[in-house]
Amino acid sequence: MQFFVFLLLIITCIYAVLIISLLVGWFRIKEFKSNKCSKKLKLSIIIPFRNEAENLPDLLLSLSDIDYPKTYFEIILVNDESEDNSLQVCHHFKQTHPEMLISVINNNRKTNSPKKDALATAIDSARFEYIITTDADCVVPTLWLQSFNEKIIETGATMIAAPVSFFSTKFNNEKFLNYLVAFQELDFMGLQAAGIGGFGLKKPFLCNGANLCYEKKAFYAVEGFQGNSNISSGDDVFLLQKFKELNYPVCFLKSEQAIVYTKPQASLQTLFSQRIRWAAKTTAYKSVFAKLIGLSVLLVNLFLGIGLILALLNEVNYEFVLFSFLIKFLVDLALLYYSAAFFRKKTMLSHYLWCSLLYPFFSTMVAILSLFSGFEWKGRSFKK
């Protein structure tokens, strides 16, 4: 058991160094604020949807409120075999907003990834030079396009990632759901902070397709999603990898004015399905830094979980396990604190203690399941 303790301490130290490096990267990305520059680029917004009749009205309303010239952007809504009245919602929006450039098209399925097919279908028909993607269950801010516009002009980047957060969700008389949301909030803020930190270190490895912009001709130059179309998810991170491989300039738009909001999962089952879907693509990462981060997260959570069980069985000295847990607890808290401040969600840190105790088990279970099992998403089953 001494060897186990030695490994636990080594893994924890490596993890701590990596998290501290991401924190350094976080501070290297300065917050951006729009200055309302007059020059305007033309932008194509692409939104794939499947059975989103409940969510689309809020998204479409937020798109109609965007502070950007209506003739300088288009909206392409891609129907991915919806079985509800999502299509009718989109057509109604188009009819009631004739001043906006809106297209409603059907997905052209070719691969194992419906979303990548939907994006590729829309990009082929996009009129403008820059593509911006979001999801049907999101809401966008009024200065969303203006922020991307100015960041492109300022940096000349061919890909710009931007922040995503959850709506402030409260379930009356549903304590379990409120705790579930709090757990997701902290987990997601940690992922956002890690992603931003990677950009700050010039080793970007995470971005979110719910808030992503890239140049259309660069998408074609990297051959789009070719090479990873057998993986159902990853339309964002695999594209980021391709841009980096060809040395296209990429950056992060760290701006409160550009935050896109989405909904947390409303059940433990859908949360596991979502996280397994996200984790399933990690084995296909090419970035050494991304693999190192992923491996360290897996190992530190696995060893802490095992260490806790062994300590309860008096097989190892609990002080070593507690020491490792405290190191992880503190470095994670530092990263989460600044992320929570940026997203104006410091109150969520009140849940941090119990979440940090559960997270090693949750994270390990998701990682193991992603290696051996498929998952369900949007009414479809995907095999490993």
Protein backbone atom coordinates (compact mmCIF):
# COMPACT_ATOMS: atom_id res chain seq x y z
CA MET A 1 0.00 0.00 0.00
CA GLN A 2 2.99 2.31 0.32
CA PHE A 3 3.35 2.25 -3.46
CA PHE A 4 -0.30 3.27 -3.82
CA VAL A 5 0.24 6.22 -1.48
CA PHE A 6 3.37 7.21 -3.40
CA LEU A 7 1.46 7.14 -6.71
CA LEU A 8 -1.43 9.09 -5.21
CA LEU A 9 0.89 11.88 -4.05
CA ILE A 10 2.78 12.01 -7.36
CA ILE A 11 -0.43 12.11 -9.42
CA THR A 12 -1.87 14.80 -7.15
CA CYS A 13 1.23 16.97 -7.52
CA ILE A 14 1.18 16.63 -11.33
CA TYR A 15 -2.52 17.49 -11.32
CA ALA A 16 -1.91 20.54 -9.13
CA VAL A 17 0.84 21.83 -11.43
CA LEU A 18 -1.44 21.46 -14.45
CA ILE A 19 -4.37 23.25 -12.79
CA ILE A 20 -2.09 26.08 -11.62
CA SER A 21 -0.78 26.40 -15.18
CA LEU A 22 -4.37 26.69 -16.44
CA LEU A 23 -4.97 29.40 -13.85
CA VAL A 24 -1.94 31.27 -15.21
CA GLY A 25 -3.44 30.87 -18.70
CA TRP A 26 -6.77 32.21 -17.44
CA PHE A 27 -5.12 35.47 -16.33
CA ARG A 28 -3.31 35.84 -19.65
CA ILE A 29 -6.66 36.18 -21.44
CA LYS A 30 -7.82 39.74 -20.86
CA GLU A 31 -11.51 40.49 -20.62
CA PHE A 32 -12.93 42.00 -23.79
CA LYS A 33 -15.57 44.73 -24.00
CA SER A 34 -17.22 45.95 -27.17
CA ASN A 35 -16.47 49.53 -28.22
CA LYS A 36 -19.23 49.49 -30.87
CA CYS A 37 -16.84 49.92 -33.81
CA SER A 38 -18.55 50.94 -37.02
CA LYS A 39 -16.97 48.37 -39.34
CA LYS A 40 -19.23 45.36 -39.76
CA LEU A 41 -18.48 41.89 -41.10
CA LYS A 42 -21.21 39.67 -42.51
CA LEU A 43 -21.92 36.59 -40.39
CA SER A 44 -23.85 33.34 -40.85
CA ILE A 45 -25.46 31.89 -37.72
CA ILE A 46 -26.05 28.13 -37.88
CA ILE A 47 -28.41 26.34 -35.51
CA PRO A 48 -29.04 22.59 -35.84
CA PHE A 49 -32.17 21.41 -34.05
CA ARG A 50 -33.98 18.18 -33.27
CA ASN A 51 -37.19 18.12 -31.21
CA GLU A 52 -36.57 21.56 -29.71
CA ALA A 53 -40.05 23.08 -29.96
CA GLU A 54 -39.94 23.91 -26.26
CA ASN A 55 -36.61 25.74 -26.47
CA LEU A 56 -36.58 27.35 -29.90
CA PRO A 57 -38.94 30.28 -29.09
CA ASP A 58 -36.55 31.66 -26.46
CA LEU A 59 -33.54 31.31 -28.76
CA LEU A 60 -35.33 32.88 -31.72
CA LEU A 61 -36.56 35.78 -29.59
CA SER A 62 -33.00 36.47 -28.43
CA LEU A 63 -31.79 36.36 -32.06
CA SER A 64 -34.41 38.94 -33.05
CA ASP A 65 -33.11 41.25 -30.31
CA ILE A 66 -29.46 41.15 -31.47
CA ASP A 67 -27.90 44.61 -31.78
CA TYR A 68 -26.42 44.21 -35.26
CA PRO A 69 -27.61 45.32 -38.71
CA LYS A 70 -30.22 42.80 -39.89
CA THR A 71 -28.78 42.66 -43.42
CA TYR A 72 -25.32 41.80 -42.06
CA PHE A 73 -26.21 38.40 -40.67
CA GLU A 74 -28.27 35.40 -41.67
CA ILE A 75 -29.79 32.61 -39.60
CA ILE A 76 -29.71 29.05 -40.94
CA LEU A 77 -31.93 26.66 -38.99
CA VAL A 78 -31.16 23.01 -39.77
CA ASN A 79 -33.91 20.49 -39.05
CA ASP A 80 -32.41 17.16 -37.97
CA GLU A 81 -35.43 14.87 -38.37
CA SER A 82 -37.52 16.54 -35.68
CA GLU A 83 -40.62 14.64 -34.60
CA ASP A 84 -42.33 17.51 -32.75
CA ASN A 85 -43.47 20.88 -34.10
CA SER A 86 -39.98 22.45 -34.12
CA LEU A 87 -40.22 22.97 -37.87
CA GLN A 88 -43.48 24.89 -37.53
CA VAL A 89 -41.94 27.10 -34.83
CA CYS A 90 -39.07 27.98 -37.19
CA HIS A 91 -41.33 28.69 -40.16
CA HIS A 92 -43.57 30.88 -38.01
CA PHE A 93 -40.54 32.87 -36.86
CA LYS A 94 -39.41 33.33 -40.45
CA GLN A 95 -42.86 34.53 -41.54
CA THR A 96 -43.17 37.02 -38.67
CA HIS A 97 -39.68 38.47 -39.15
CA PRO A 98 -39.45 39.29 -42.88
CA GLU A 99 -36.74 41.88 -42.19
CA MET A 100 -34.32 39.11 -41.18
CA LEU A 101 -32.42 36.71 -43.45
CA ILE A 102 -33.69 33.32 -42.30
CA SER A 103 -33.36 29.92 -43.96
CA VAL A 104 -34.93 26.67 -42.72
CA ILE A 105 -33.31 23.61 -44.29
CA ASN A 106 -33.18 19.86 -43.70
CA ASN A 107 -30.12 17.99 -42.56
CA ASN A 108 -28.32 15.92 -45.18
CA ARG A 109 -27.27 12.83 -43.23
CA LYS A 110 -24.02 11.21 -44.39
CA THR A 111 -22.11 10.09 -41.29
CA ASN A 112 -22.45 8.77 -37.74
CA SER A 113 -22.61 12.34 -36.42
CA PRO A 114 -25.98 14.05 -37.06
CA LYS A 115 -24.79 17.40 -35.72
CA LYS A 116 -21.66 17.49 -37.87
CA ASP A 117 -23.79 16.62 -40.89
CA ALA A 118 -26.20 19.43 -40.01
CA LEU A 119 -23.38 21.96 -39.66
CA ALA A 120 -21.73 20.86 -42.91
CA THR A 121 -25.07 21.04 -44.73
CA ALA A 122 -25.62 24.60 -43.51
CA ILE A 123 -22.06 25.76 -44.18
CA ASP A 124 -22.43 24.66 -47.80
CA SER A 125 -25.38 27.02 -48.16
CA ALA A 126 -24.04 29.87 -45.99
CA ARG A 127 -23.76 33.20 -47.82
CA PHE A 128 -21.24 34.92 -45.60
CA GLU A 129 -17.55 34.66 -44.75
CA TYR A 130 -17.76 33.80 -41.05
CA ILE A 131 -19.76 31.00 -39.44
CA ILE A 132 -21.14 31.29 -35.91
CA THR A 133 -22.71 28.25 -34.26
CA THR A 134 -24.99 27.86 -31.29
CA ASP A 135 -27.49 25.28 -30.01
CA ALA A 136 -31.28 25.30 -30.09
CA ASP A 137 -31.58 25.22 -26.29
CA CYS A 138 -29.53 28.41 -25.86
CA VAL A 139 -30.18 32.14 -25.58
CA VAL A 140 -27.72 34.67 -27.02
CA PRO A 141 -26.91 38.19 -25.72
CA THR A 142 -27.69 41.38 -27.65
CA LEU A 143 -24.02 42.23 -28.28
CA TRP A 144 -23.14 38.68 -29.31
CA LEU A 145 -22.43 39.35 -32.99
CA GLN A 146 -20.88 42.74 -32.31
CA SER A 147 -18.41 41.14 -29.90
CA PHE A 148 -17.38 38.48 -32.43
CA ASN A 149 -17.18 41.14 -35.15
CA GLU A 150 -14.77 43.30 -33.16
CA LYS A 151 -12.67 40.35 -31.99
CA ILE A 152 -12.22 39.15 -35.58
CA ILE A 153 -11.20 42.65 -36.69
CA GLU A 154 -8.86 43.09 -33.72
CA THR A 155 -7.11 39.69 -33.90
CA GLY A 156 -7.60 38.39 -37.43
CA ALA A 157 -8.36 35.00 -35.87
CA THR A 158 -9.87 32.30 -38.07
CA MET A 159 -11.53 30.66 -35.07
CA ILE A 160 -12.88 32.35 -31.95
CA ALA A 161 -14.28 30.39 -29.01
CA ALA A 162 -16.55 32.12 -26.51
CA PRO A 163 -18.07 31.42 -23.08
CA VAL A 164 -21.15 29.36 -22.25
CA SER A 165 -23.01 29.29 -18.96
CA PHE A 166 -26.20 27.89 -17.47
CA PHE A 167 -29.38 29.83 -16.86
CA SER A 168 -29.95 30.47 -13.18
CA THR A 169 -32.36 27.60 -12.59
CA LYS A 170 -34.36 27.01 -9.43
CA PHE A 171 -36.80 24.14 -8.87
CA ASN A 172 -39.39 24.83 -6.17
CA ASN A 173 -39.82 21.94 -3.72
CA GLU A 174 -37.31 19.84 -5.68
CA LYS A 175 -34.19 19.74 -3.52
CA PHE A 176 -32.55 16.95 -5.50
CA LEU A 177 -32.89 18.86 -8.78
CA ASN A 178 -31.48 22.02 -7.20
CA TYR A 179 -28.47 20.07 -5.94
CA LEU A 180 -28.11 18.45 -9.37
CA VAL A 181 -28.05 21.90 -11.00
CA ALA A 182 -25.49 23.16 -8.48
CA PHE A 183 -23.24 20.17 -9.22
CA GLN A 184 -23.50 20.83 -12.96
CA GLU A 185 -22.84 24.54 -12.52
CA LEU A 186 -19.55 23.94 -10.72
CA ASP A 187 -18.49 21.17 -13.09
CA PHE A 188 -19.28 23.28 -16.15
CA MET A 189 -17.58 26.40 -14.78
CA GLY A 190 -14.49 24.27 -14.17
CA LEU A 191 -14.55 23.07 -17.78
CA GLN A 192 -14.98 26.62 -19.05
CA ALA A 193 -12.09 27.86 -16.92
CA ALA A 194 -9.84 25.02 -18.08
CA GLY A 195 -10.70 25.75 -21.70
CA ILE A 196 -9.97 29.46 -21.34
CA GLY A 197 -6.72 28.64 -19.52
CA GLY A 198 -5.66 26.44 -22.42
CA PHE A 199 -6.11 29.34 -24.84
CA GLY A 200 -4.10 31.57 -22.50
CA LEU A 201 -1.23 29.06 -22.54
CA LYS A 202 -1.45 28.90 -26.35
CA LYS A 203 -2.38 25.23 -25.98
CA PRO A 204 -6.12 25.36 -26.67
CA PHE A 205 -7.87 22.03 -26.21
CA LEU A 206 -11.48 22.86 -25.28
CA CYS A 207 -14.21 24.96 -26.86
CA ASN A 208 -17.98 24.75 -27.06
CA GLY A 209 -20.03 24.56 -30.26
CA ALA A 210 -22.81 26.46 -28.48
CA ASN A 211 -20.67 29.59 -28.88
CA LEU A 212 -18.10 29.27 -31.64
CA CYS A 213 -17.05 31.30 -34.67
CA TYR A 214 -14.81 30.32 -37.57
CA GLU A 215 -13.94 31.40 -41.08
CA LYS A 216 -15.80 29.50 -43.79
CA LYS A 217 -12.84 29.13 -46.13
CA ALA A 218 -10.66 27.89 -43.24
CA PHE A 219 -13.31 25.24 -42.48
CA TYR A 220 -12.96 23.94 -46.03
CA ALA A 221 -9.17 24.24 -45.95
CA VAL A 222 -8.99 21.85 -42.96
CA GLU A 223 -11.51 19.56 -44.70
CA GLY A 224 -14.23 20.23 -42.18
CA PHE A 225 -15.18 17.26 -40.04
CA GLN A 226 -13.48 14.71 -42.27
CA GLY A 227 -11.50 12.20 -40.21
CA ASN A 228 -13.72 12.32 -37.11
CA SER A 229 -17.20 11.91 -38.57
CA ASN A 230 -17.41 8.42 -37.02
CA ILE A 231 -17.50 10.08 -33.58
CA SER A 232 -20.97 11.43 -32.80
CA SER A 233 -19.78 14.50 -30.85
CA GLY A 234 -16.76 16.77 -31.08
CA ASP A 235 -17.84 19.15 -33.84
CA ASP A 236 -16.09 21.85 -31.80
CA VAL A 237 -12.88 20.40 -30.30
CA PHE A 238 -11.85 18.33 -33.33
CA LEU A 239 -12.26 21.39 -35.53
CA LEU A 240 -10.15 23.37 -33.04
CA GLN A 241 -7.46 20.67 -33.26
CA LYS A 242 -7.44 20.90 -37.05
CA PHE A 243 -7.11 24.68 -37.01
CA LYS A 244 -4.18 24.42 -34.60
CA GLU A 245 -2.46 21.70 -36.65
CA LEU A 246 -2.43 24.00 -39.68
CA ASN A 247 -1.36 26.99 -37.55
CA TYR A 248 -4.52 28.98 -38.16
CA PRO A 249 -4.81 31.77 -35.56
CA VAL A 250 -7.35 30.95 -32.84
CA CYS A 251 -8.34 32.88 -29.73
CA PHE A 252 -10.89 33.09 -26.92
CA LEU A 253 -13.46 35.87 -26.58
CA LYS A 254 -13.45 36.33 -22.81
CA SER A 255 -16.35 38.73 -22.62
CA GLU A 256 -19.41 38.94 -20.42
CA GLN A 257 -21.18 40.50 -23.42
CA ALA A 258 -20.67 37.30 -25.42
CA ILE A 259 -21.86 34.68 -22.90
CA VAL A 260 -24.39 32.28 -24.37
CA TYR A 261 -26.74 30.68 -21.84
CA THR A 262 -28.07 27.14 -21.96
CA LYS A 263 -30.07 24.80 -19.73
CA PRO A 264 -28.61 22.28 -17.26
CA GLN A 265 -29.74 18.67 -17.48
CA ALA A 266 -32.93 18.02 -15.54
CA SER A 267 -32.19 14.42 -14.51
CA LEU A 268 -29.27 12.27 -13.42
CA GLN A 269 -29.81 9.97 -16.41
CA THR A 270 -29.52 12.75 -19.00
CA LEU A 271 -26.55 14.23 -17.14
CA PHE A 272 -24.69 10.92 -17.38
CA SER A 273 -25.64 10.58 -21.05
CA GLN A 274 -24.34 14.07 -21.78
CA ARG A 275 -21.07 13.60 -19.92
CA ILE A 276 -20.49 10.15 -21.45
CA ARG A 277 -21.05 11.71 -24.87
CA TRP A 278 -18.48 14.39 -24.08
CA ALA A 279 -15.98 11.92 -22.63
CA ALA A 280 -16.33 9.41 -25.47
CA LYS A 281 -14.35 11.63 -27.83
CA THR A 282 -11.33 12.17 -25.56
CA THR A 283 -9.54 9.03 -26.75
CA ALA A 284 -9.41 10.59 -30.23
CA TYR A 285 -7.67 13.79 -29.07
CA LYS A 286 -4.37 14.47 -30.84
CA SER A 287 -3.18 17.24 -28.55
CA VAL A 288 -0.55 15.95 -26.09
CA PHE A 289 -1.55 18.68 -23.62
CA ALA A 290 -5.22 17.70 -23.85
CA LYS A 291 -4.35 14.04 -23.26
CA LEU A 292 -2.17 14.98 -20.28
CA ILE A 293 -4.97 17.05 -18.75
CA GLY A 294 -7.53 14.31 -19.36
CA LEU A 295 -5.30 11.57 -17.97
CA SER A 296 -4.40 13.56 -14.86
CA VAL A 297 -8.06 14.33 -14.15
CA LEU A 298 -8.98 10.66 -14.55
CA LEU A 299 -6.11 9.36 -12.40
CA VAL A 300 -6.39 11.86 -9.57
CA ASN A 301 -10.15 11.22 -9.22
CA LEU A 302 -9.72 7.45 -9.54
CA PHE A 303 -6.93 7.30 -6.97
CA LEU A 304 -8.74 9.60 -4.54
CA GLY A 305 -11.87 7.45 -4.77
CA ILE A 306 -9.89 4.27 -4.19
CA GLY A 307 -7.87 5.97 -1.47
CA LEU A 308 -10.99 6.99 0.41
CA ILE A 309 -12.30 3.41 0.34
CA LEU A 310 -8.93 2.02 1.48
CA ALA A 311 -8.73 4.61 4.27
CA LEU A 312 -12.17 3.59 5.52
CA LEU A 313 -10.95 -0.03 5.53
CA ASN A 314 -7.80 1.04 7.42
CA GLU A 315 -5.62 -0.24 4.56
CA VAL A 316 -3.86 3.11 4.10
CA ASN A 317 -3.18 6.03 6.40
CA TYR A 318 -6.06 8.48 5.99
CA GLU A 319 -3.71 11.49 6.44
CA PHE A 320 -2.14 10.86 3.02
CA VAL A 321 -5.53 10.65 1.33
CA LEU A 322 -6.69 13.79 3.13
CA PHE A 323 -3.51 15.63 2.13
CA SER A 324 -4.02 14.74 -1.54
CA PHE A 325 -7.68 15.70 -1.36
CA LEU A 326 -6.82 19.09 0.18
CA ILE A 327 -4.29 19.87 -2.55
CA LYS A 328 -6.86 19.07 -5.23
CA PHE A 329 -9.57 20.91 -3.29
CA LEU A 330 -7.52 24.12 -3.08
CA VAL A 331 -6.22 24.28 -6.65
CA ASP A 332 -9.67 23.48 -8.04
CA LEU A 333 -11.19 26.14 -5.78
CA ALA A 334 -8.74 28.76 -7.05
CA LEU A 335 -9.68 28.07 -10.67
CA LEU A 336 -13.39 27.90 -9.87
CA TYR A 337 -13.33 31.13 -7.87
CA TYR A 338 -12.19 33.23 -10.81
CA SER A 339 -14.52 31.42 -13.19
CA ALA A 340 -17.47 32.00 -10.83
CA ALA A 341 -16.53 35.68 -10.54
CA PHE A 342 -16.45 36.05 -14.33
CA PHE A 343 -19.83 34.34 -14.76
CA ARG A 344 -21.24 36.21 -11.72
CA LYS A 345 -22.02 32.98 -9.91
CA LYS A 346 -19.95 33.15 -6.74
CA THR A 347 -22.95 31.98 -4.72
CA MET A 348 -22.55 28.54 -6.32
CA LEU A 349 -19.28 28.11 -4.43
CA SER A 350 -21.34 27.43 -1.29
CA HIS A 351 -21.91 23.96 -2.79
CA TYR A 352 -18.25 23.35 -3.50
CA LEU A 353 -17.40 21.16 -0.48
CA TRP A 354 -20.00 18.44 -1.04
CA CYS A 355 -19.51 18.59 -4.81
CA SER A 356 -15.77 18.09 -4.41
CA LEU A 357 -16.44 14.97 -2.32
CA LEU A 358 -18.78 13.46 -4.91
CA TYR A 359 -16.89 14.51 -8.01
CA PRO A 360 -14.11 11.86 -7.93
CA PHE A 361 -16.73 9.10 -8.02
CA PHE A 362 -18.86 10.83 -10.67
CA SER A 363 -15.88 11.62 -12.90
CA THR A 364 -14.44 8.10 -12.65
CA MET A 365 -17.78 6.49 -13.41
CA VAL A 366 -18.29 8.70 -16.49
CA ALA A 367 -14.77 7.92 -17.74
CA ILE A 368 -15.22 4.16 -17.35
CA LEU A 369 -18.68 4.13 -18.94
CA SER A 370 -17.43 6.21 -21.88
CA LEU A 371 -14.83 3.52 -22.64
CA PHE A 372 -17.23 0.59 -22.71
CA SER A 373 -20.79 1.74 -23.27
CA GLY A 374 -22.80 3.75 -25.75
CA PHE A 375 -25.28 6.47 -24.86
CA GLU A 376 -28.60 7.99 -25.83
CA TRP A 377 -28.99 11.59 -26.95
CA LYS A 378 -31.88 13.47 -28.55
CA GLY A 379 -33.87 10.25 -28.86
CA ARG A 380 -31.07 8.39 -30.65
CA SER A 381 -28.80 5.60 -29.49
CA PHE A 382 -25.08 5.75 -30.20
CA LYS A 383 -22.80 2.73 -29.87
CA LYS A 384 -19.23 2.86 -28.60
